[in-house]
């Protein structure tokens, strides 16, 4: 009969529902924080092109009417095109730099949240501590950004609704923060820690 020591997975049952739900909440919150800027930028670009097309169609439609008090939109559109070309020419490298920085930060953030989610499922105490810290740091930043965009709510920009996803991320962080420290979660984390120490690898690590 084999006397090999049992692995932690054989000693401790599966994670409780509170820890599993907390891990999923933090994972989804990380995805929202990473994707919100991209979604808002995409919607703004689509809306800008739509408004631009409407403006040119309105200018073409006025050509069919011969009113004395008709507003000639051609000078305004020409000035708009000049400013648009100047902004795109001047800010092209700035936009490329911002896109590069955003992609780097989004990839790093997603990787961190995926790591925290997987470790939280396994009952790693460091994961829930780090998740708590990230939740505490992100809450005031996301709320301040949401307040900033709310100030422009009077503008007819449908893309601004994407900013409300930040509130969903805050709510998910808060739910995970509560669930990850409930008694069932605490008991599971402690049991996993004891199970790890009971293995030869855990004993060897303690002896170092």
Foldseek 3Di string as FASTA:
>chain_A
DDPADDALPVVADFADPLLLLLLVLLLVLLLLVLCLVVLLVVLQVVVVVVVLVVLVVVQVVLVVDDDPPDDNCVVVVVVVVVVVVVCCVVCVVVVVVVVVVSVVVSVVSNVLSVVLSVVSSVLAPVSLVVLLVVLVVVVVVLVVVLVVLVVVVVDPRPSNVSSCVSVSSNVSSVSSNVSCPDVSNVVSNVSSVVSQCPHPVNVVVVVD
